[in-house]
Amino acid sequence: MAVLSFHSLKALANQFDGHVYQDSLDDSLLVNDVLHSCWHRYAWTHGKREIKFIETITGALPIVVQIYPAF
């Protein structure tokens, strides 16, 4: 089960594999849950005060770009 909310990208990255990706179509955030072989989708709440869990993805992924850590 995914953690339901985070206060920062760093906290989200630390919970999973250390990388956070952004969906190029809807700006949602994706992280790889290696332990359970799936991906979790998160999104910023209004005003970017908190990151909330949206869904777990087990199929094909959208086109993503790594946003944390920055290159």
PDB file of N, CA and C in Angstrom:
ATOM      1  N   MET A   1       0.836  -1.191   0.000  1.00  0.00           N
ATOM      2  CA  MET A   1       0.000   0.000   0.000  1.00  0.00           C
ATOM      3  C   MET A   1       0.873   1.244   0.000  1.00  0.00           C
ATOM      4  N   ALA A   2       0.482   2.203  -0.761  1.00  0.00           N
ATOM      5  CA  ALA A   2       1.238   3.445  -0.889  1.00  0.00           C
ATOM      6  C   ALA A   2       0.982   4.358   0.310  1.00  0.00           C
ATOM      7  N   VAL A   3       1.970   5.162   0.627  1.00  0.00           N
ATOM      8  CA  VAL A   3       1.805   6.202   1.645  1.00  0.00           C
ATOM      9  C   VAL A   3       0.896   7.268   1.050  1.00  0.00           C
ATOM     10  N   LEU A   4      -0.040   7.797   1.833  1.00  0.00           N
ATOM     11  CA  LEU A   4      -1.075   8.661   1.290  1.00  0.00           C
ATOM     12  C   LEU A   4      -0.667  10.107   1.050  1.00  0.00           C
ATOM     13  N   SER A   5       0.289  10.650   1.806  1.00  0.00           N
ATOM     14  CA  SER A   5       0.669  12.046   1.561  1.00  0.00           C
ATOM     15  C   SER A   5       2.099  12.340   2.008  1.00  0.00           C
ATOM     16  N   PHE A   6       2.665  13.362   1.378  1.00  0.00           N
ATOM     17  CA  PHE A   6       4.025  13.824   1.675  1.00  0.00           C
ATOM     18  C   PHE A   6       4.033  15.340   1.671  1.00  0.00           C
ATOM     19  N   HIS A   7       5.027  15.924   2.331  1.00  0.00           N
ATOM     20  CA  HIS A   7       5.123  17.380   2.370  1.00  0.00           C
ATOM     21  C   HIS A   7       6.122  17.951   1.366  1.00  0.00           C
ATOM     22  N   SER A   8       6.951  17.095   0.740  1.00  0.00           N
ATOM     23  CA  SER A   8       7.947  17.599  -0.213  1.00  0.00           C
ATOM     24  C   SER A   8       8.360  16.501  -1.191  1.00  0.00           C
ATOM     25  N   LEU A   9       8.989  16.918  -2.281  1.00  0.00           N
ATOM     26  CA  LEU A   9       9.522  15.937  -3.244  1.00  0.00           C
ATOM     27  C   LEU A   9      10.598  15.082  -2.596  1.00  0.00           C
ATOM     28  N   LYS A  10      11.406  15.684  -1.745  1.00  0.00           N
ATOM     29  CA  LYS A  10      12.475  14.950  -1.073  1.00  0.00           C
ATOM     30  C   LYS A  10      11.900  13.833  -0.203  1.00  0.00           C
ATOM     31  N   ALA A  11      10.842  14.120   0.548  1.00  0.00           N
ATOM     32  CA  ALA A  11      10.210  13.103   1.398  1.00  0.00           C
ATOM     33  C   ALA A  11       9.619  11.981   0.552  1.00  0.00           C
ATOM     34  N   LEU A  12       9.003  12.326  -0.572  1.00  0.00           N
ATOM     35  CA  LEU A  12       8.450  11.329  -1.490  1.00  0.00           C
ATOM     36  C   LEU A  12       9.555  10.452  -2.054  1.00  0.00           C
ATOM     37  N   ALA A  13      10.640  11.063  -2.495  1.00  0.00           N
ATOM     38  CA  ALA A  13      11.766  10.315  -3.058  1.00  0.00           C
ATOM     39  C   ALA A  13      12.405   9.401  -2.025  1.00  0.00           C
ATOM     40  N   ASN A  14      12.561   9.877  -0.805  1.00  0.00           N
ATOM     41  CA  ASN A  14      13.187   9.071   0.239  1.00  0.00           C
ATOM     42  C   ASN A  14      12.371   7.840   0.600  1.00  0.00           C
ATOM     43  N   GLN A  15      11.070   7.900   0.450  1.00  0.00           N
ATOM     44  CA  GLN A  15      10.204   6.761   0.773  1.00  0.00           C
ATOM     45  C   GLN A  15      10.363   5.618  -0.231  1.00  0.00           C
ATOM     46  N   PHE A  16      10.720   5.943  -1.464  1.00  0.00           N
ATOM     47  CA  PHE A  16      10.794   4.932  -2.522  1.00  0.00           C
ATOM     48  C   PHE A  16      12.235   4.763  -3.003  1.00  0.00           C
ATOM     49  N   ASP A  17      12.512   4.900  -4.267  1.00  0.00           N
ATOM     50  CA  ASP A  17      13.849   4.591  -4.790  1.00  0.00           C
ATOM     51  C   ASP A  17      14.767   5.792  -4.895  1.00  0.00           C
ATOM     52  N   GLY A  18      14.313   6.964  -4.471  1.00  0.00           N
ATOM     53  CA  GLY A  18      15.150   8.154  -4.521  1.00  0.00           C
ATOM     54  C   GLY A  18      14.940   9.016  -5.737  1.00  0.00           C
ATOM     55  N   HIS A  19      14.015   8.632  -6.632  1.00  0.00           N
ATOM     56  CA  HIS A  19      13.738   9.418  -7.824  1.00  0.00           C
ATOM     57  C   HIS A  19      12.245   9.686  -7.945  1.00  0.00           C
ATOM     58  N   VAL A  20      11.920  10.895  -8.383  1.00  0.00           N
ATOM     59  CA  VAL A  20      10.530  11.262  -8.641  1.00  0.00           C
ATOM     60  C   VAL A  20      10.442  11.707 -10.095  1.00  0.00           C
ATOM     61  N   TYR A  21       9.441  11.224 -10.788  1.00  0.00           N
ATOM     62  CA  TYR A  21       9.237  11.547 -12.197  1.00  0.00           C
ATOM     63  C   TYR A  21       7.923  12.307 -12.353  1.00  0.00           C
ATOM     64  N   GLN A  22       7.836  13.102 -13.421  1.00  0.00           N
ATOM     65  CA  GLN A  22       6.626  13.873 -13.693  1.00  0.00           C
ATOM     66  C   GLN A  22       6.031  13.432 -15.019  1.00  0.00           C
ATOM     67  N   ASP A  23       4.732  13.165 -15.029  1.00  0.00           N
ATOM     68  CA  ASP A  23       4.003  12.806 -16.241  1.00  0.00           C
ATOM     69  C   ASP A  23       3.964  14.026 -17.150  1.00  0.00           C
ATOM     70  N   SER A  24       4.339  13.847 -18.404  1.00  0.00           N
ATOM     71  CA  SER A  24       4.406  14.975 -19.335  1.00  0.00           C
ATOM     72  C   SER A  24       3.027  15.469 -19.765  1.00  0.00           C
ATOM     73  N   LEU A  25       1.973  14.679 -19.551  1.00  0.00           N
ATOM     74  CA  LEU A  25       0.631  15.094 -19.968  1.00  0.00           C
ATOM     75  C   LEU A  25      -0.141  15.840 -18.893  1.00  0.00           C
ATOM     76  N   ASP A  26      -0.073  15.382 -17.643  1.00  0.00           N
ATOM     77  CA  ASP A  26      -0.909  16.006 -16.609  1.00  0.00           C
ATOM     78  C   ASP A  26      -0.144  16.522 -15.387  1.00  0.00           C
ATOM     79  N   ASP A  27       1.177  16.501 -15.432  1.00  0.00           N
ATOM     80  CA  ASP A  27       2.042  17.003 -14.359  1.00  0.00           C
ATOM     81  C   ASP A  27       1.918  16.230 -13.045  1.00  0.00           C
ATOM     82  N   SER A  28       1.314  15.036 -13.066  1.00  0.00           N
ATOM     83  CA  SER A  28       1.286  14.223 -11.859  1.00  0.00           C
ATOM     84  C   SER A  28       2.687  13.669 -11.610  1.00  0.00           C
ATOM     85  N   LEU A  29       2.918  13.189 -10.416  1.00  0.00           N
ATOM     86  CA  LEU A  29       4.221  12.682 -10.000  1.00  0.00           C
ATOM     87  C   LEU A  29       4.170  11.167  -9.929  1.00  0.00           C
ATOM     88  N   LEU A  30       5.236  10.507 -10.372  1.00  0.00           N
ATOM     89  CA  LEU A  30       5.301   9.047 -10.344  1.00  0.00           C
ATOM     90  C   LEU A  30       6.566   8.593  -9.632  1.00  0.00           C
ATOM     91  N   VAL A  31       6.419   7.547  -8.828  1.00  0.00           N
ATOM     92  CA  VAL A  31       7.561   6.940  -8.143  1.00  0.00           C
ATOM     93  C   VAL A  31       7.487   5.433  -8.324  1.00  0.00           C
ATOM     94  N   ASN A  32       8.639   4.796  -8.395  1.00  0.00           N
ATOM     95  CA  ASN A  32       8.720   3.353  -8.581  1.00  0.00           C
ATOM     96  C   ASN A  32       8.808   2.675  -7.219  1.00  0.00           C
ATOM     97  N   ASP A  33       7.863   1.804  -6.928  1.00  0.00           N
ATOM     98  CA  ASP A  33       7.871   1.007  -5.711  1.00  0.00           C
ATOM     99  C   ASP A  33       8.505  -0.337  -6.065  1.00  0.00           C
ATOM    100  N   VAL A  34       9.811  -0.435  -5.916  1.00  0.00           N
ATOM    101  CA  VAL A  34      10.568  -1.615  -6.322  1.00  0.00           C
ATOM    102  C   VAL A  34      10.147  -2.834  -5.510  1.00  0.00           C
ATOM    103  N   LEU A  35       9.876  -2.662  -4.248  1.00  0.00           N
ATOM    104  CA  LEU A  35       9.504  -3.762  -3.363  1.00  0.00           C
ATOM    105  C   LEU A  35       8.238  -4.477  -3.837  1.00  0.00           C
ATOM    106  N   HIS A  36       7.275  -3.715  -4.372  1.00  0.00           N
ATOM    107  CA  HIS A  36       6.010  -4.299  -4.816  1.00  0.00           C
ATOM    108  C   HIS A  36       5.855  -4.338  -6.339  1.00  0.00           C
ATOM    109  N   SER A  37       6.895  -4.005  -7.069  1.00  0.00           N
ATOM    110  CA  SER A  37       6.911  -4.033  -8.542  1.00  0.00           C
ATOM    111  C   SER A  37       5.751  -3.255  -9.167  1.00  0.00           C
ATOM    112  N   CYS A  38       5.593  -2.016  -8.738  1.00  0.00           N
ATOM    113  CA  CYS A  38       4.551  -1.162  -9.303  1.00  0.00           C
ATOM    114  C   CYS A  38       4.982   0.299  -9.218  1.00  0.00           C
ATOM    115  N   TRP A  39       4.186   1.153  -9.784  1.00  0.00           N
ATOM    116  CA  TRP A  39       4.420   2.595  -9.746  1.00  0.00           C
ATOM    117  C   TRP A  39       3.242   3.245  -9.043  1.00  0.00           C
ATOM    118  N   HIS A  40       3.515   4.316  -8.313  1.00  0.00           N
ATOM    119  CA  HIS A  40       2.464   5.064  -7.637  1.00  0.00           C
ATOM    120  C   HIS A  40       2.396   6.464  -8.235  1.00  0.00           C
ATOM    121  N   ARG A  41       1.170   6.925  -8.446  1.00  0.00           N
ATOM    122  CA  ARG A  41       0.944   8.279  -8.975  1.00  0.00           C
ATOM    123  C   ARG A  41       0.496   9.183  -7.826  1.00  0.00           C
ATOM    124  N   TYR A  42       1.123  10.345  -7.751  1.00  0.00           N
ATOM    125  CA  TYR A  42       0.805  11.361  -6.751  1.00  0.00           C
ATOM    126  C   TYR A  42       0.555  12.679  -7.471  1.00  0.00           C
ATOM    127  N   ALA A  43      -0.047  13.632  -6.780  1.00  0.00           N
ATOM    128  CA  ALA A  43      -0.259  14.962  -7.346  1.00  0.00           C
ATOM    129  C   ALA A  43      -0.201  15.996  -6.221  1.00  0.00           C
ATOM    130  N   TRP A  44       0.261  17.181  -6.569  1.00  0.00           N
ATOM    131  CA  TRP A  44       0.275  18.292  -5.615  1.00  0.00           C
ATOM    132  C   TRP A  44      -1.153  18.735  -5.340  1.00  0.00           C
ATOM    133  N   THR A  45      -1.449  19.075  -4.093  1.00  0.00           N
ATOM    134  CA  THR A  45      -2.741  19.678  -3.768  1.00  0.00           C
ATOM    135  C   THR A  45      -2.709  21.139  -4.202  1.00  0.00           C
ATOM    136  N   HIS A  46      -3.863  21.790  -4.136  1.00  0.00           N
ATOM    137  CA  HIS A  46      -3.958  23.202  -4.513  1.00  0.00           C
ATOM    138  C   HIS A  46      -2.976  24.026  -3.669  1.00  0.00           C
ATOM    139  N   GLY A  47      -2.202  24.862  -4.328  1.00  0.00           N
ATOM    140  CA  GLY A  47      -1.216  25.680  -3.634  1.00  0.00           C
ATOM    141  C   GLY A  47       0.087  24.964  -3.336  1.00  0.00           C
ATOM    142  N   LYS A  48       0.225  23.724  -3.800  1.00  0.00           N
ATOM    143  CA  LYS A  48       1.431  22.906  -3.602  1.00  0.00           C
ATOM    144  C   LYS A  48       1.832  22.809  -2.131  1.00  0.00           C
ATOM    145  N   ARG A  49       0.842  22.557  -1.277  1.00  0.00           N
ATOM    146  CA  ARG A  49       1.105  22.432   0.149  1.00  0.00           C
ATOM    147  C   ARG A  49       1.377  20.993   0.568  1.00  0.00           C
ATOM    148  N   GLU A  50       0.873  20.031  -0.225  1.00  0.00           N
ATOM    149  CA  GLU A  50       1.002  18.627   0.125  1.00  0.00           C
ATOM    150  C   GLU A  50       0.924  17.779  -1.147  1.00  0.00           C
ATOM    151  N   ILE A  51       1.587  16.632  -1.127  1.00  0.00           N
ATOM    152  CA  ILE A  51       1.543  15.691  -2.240  1.00  0.00           C
ATOM    153  C   ILE A  51       0.643  14.541  -1.815  1.00  0.00           C
ATOM    154  N   LYS A  52      -0.419  14.276  -2.575  1.00  0.00           N
ATOM    155  CA  LYS A  52      -1.413  13.257  -2.235  1.00  0.00           C
ATOM    156  C   LYS A  52      -1.366  12.077  -3.198  1.00  0.00           C
ATOM    157  N   PHE A  53      -1.620  10.886  -2.678  1.00  0.00           N
ATOM    158  CA  PHE A  53      -1.684   9.662  -3.463  1.00  0.00           C
ATOM    159  C   PHE A  53      -2.906   9.687  -4.370  1.00  0.00           C
ATOM    160  N   ILE A  54      -2.729   9.269  -5.646  1.00  0.00           N
ATOM    161  CA  ILE A  54      -3.829   9.201  -6.607  1.00  0.00           C
ATOM    162  C   ILE A  54      -4.171   7.743  -6.939  1.00  0.00           C
ATOM    163  N   GLU A  55      -3.166   6.985  -7.400  1.00  0.00           N
ATOM    164  CA  GLU A  55      -3.425   5.603  -7.812  1.00  0.00           C
ATOM    165  C   GLU A  55      -2.134   4.809  -7.901  1.00  0.00           C
ATOM    166  N   THR A  56      -2.276   3.478  -7.979  1.00  0.00           N
ATOM    167  CA  THR A  56      -1.158   2.578  -8.231  1.00  0.00           C
ATOM    168  C   THR A  56      -1.262   2.109  -9.673  1.00  0.00           C
ATOM    169  N   ILE A  57      -0.135   2.117 -10.380  1.00  0.00           N
ATOM    170  CA  ILE A  57      -0.091   1.726 -11.790  1.00  0.00           C
ATOM    171  C   ILE A  57       0.709   0.437 -11.913  1.00  0.00           C
ATOM    172  N   THR A  58       0.123  -0.555 -12.556  1.00  0.00           N
ATOM    173  CA  THR A  58       0.839  -1.809 -12.773  1.00  0.00           C
ATOM    174  C   THR A  58       1.070  -2.077 -14.259  1.00  0.00           C
ATOM    175  N   GLY A  59       0.465  -1.285 -15.122  1.00  0.00           N
ATOM    176  CA  GLY A  59       0.603  -1.484 -16.559  1.00  0.00           C
ATOM    177  C   GLY A  59       1.612  -0.529 -17.172  1.00  0.00           C
ATOM    178  N   ALA A  60       1.318  -0.116 -18.387  1.00  0.00           N
ATOM    179  CA  ALA A  60       2.211   0.768 -19.138  1.00  0.00           C
ATOM    180  C   ALA A  60       2.275   2.154 -18.505  1.00  0.00           C
ATOM    181  N   LEU A  61       3.444   2.766 -18.595  1.00  0.00           N
ATOM    182  CA  LEU A  61       3.654   4.106 -18.044  1.00  0.00           C
ATOM    183  C   LEU A  61       3.528   5.164 -19.127  1.00  0.00           C
ATOM    184  N   PRO A  62       3.146   6.371 -18.746  1.00  0.00           N
ATOM    185  CA  PRO A  62       3.156   7.483 -19.693  1.00  0.00           C
ATOM    186  C   PRO A  62       4.600   7.956 -19.897  1.00  0.00           C
ATOM    187  N   ILE A  63       4.790   8.902 -20.764  1.00  0.00           N
ATOM    188  CA  ILE A  63       6.120   9.505 -20.937  1.00  0.00           C
ATOM    189  C   ILE A  63       6.394  10.363 -19.706  1.00  0.00           C
ATOM    190  N   VAL A  64       7.527  10.111 -19.062  1.00  0.00           N
ATOM    191  CA  VAL A  64       7.861  10.818 -17.830  1.00  0.00           C
ATOM    192  C   VAL A  64       9.225  11.486 -17.938  1.00  0.00           C
ATOM    193  N   VAL A  65       9.424  12.481 -17.077  1.00  0.00           N
ATOM    194  CA  VAL A  65      10.698  13.200 -16.972  1.00  0.00           C
ATOM    195  C   VAL A  65      11.097  13.215 -15.506  1.00  0.00           C
ATOM    196  N   GLN A  66      12.361  12.906 -15.223  1.00  0.00           N
ATOM    197  CA  GLN A  66      12.823  12.933 -13.839  1.00  0.00           C
ATOM    198  C   GLN A  66      12.886  14.370 -13.361  1.00  0.00           C
ATOM    199  N   ILE A  67      12.275  14.641 -12.178  1.00  0.00           N
ATOM    200  CA  ILE A  67      12.317  15.998 -11.641  1.00  0.00           C
ATOM    201  C   ILE A  67      13.022  16.078 -10.284  1.00  0.00           C
ATOM    202  N   TYR A  68      13.198  14.928  -9.607  1.00  0.00           N
ATOM    203  CA  TYR A  68      13.934  14.927  -8.345  1.00  0.00           C
ATOM    204  C   TYR A  68      14.706  13.618  -8.238  1.00  0.00           C
ATOM    205  N   PRO A  69      15.976  13.658  -7.931  1.00  0.00           N
ATOM    206  CA  PRO A  69      16.787  14.851  -7.793  1.00  0.00           C
ATOM    207  C   PRO A  69      17.065  15.492  -9.147  1.00  0.00           C
ATOM    208  N   ALA A  70      17.251  16.779  -9.121  1.00  0.00           N
ATOM    209  CA  ALA A  70      17.543  17.505 -10.363  1.00  0.00           C
ATOM    210  C   ALA A  70      18.938  17.120 -10.844  1.00  0.00           C
ATOM    211  N   PHE A  71      19.130  17.156 -12.137  1.00  0.00           N
ATOM    212  CA  PHE A  71      20.425  16.802 -12.720  1.00  0.00           C
ATOM    213  C   PHE A  71      21.451  17.860 -12.425  1.00  0.00           C
TER     214      PHE A  71
END
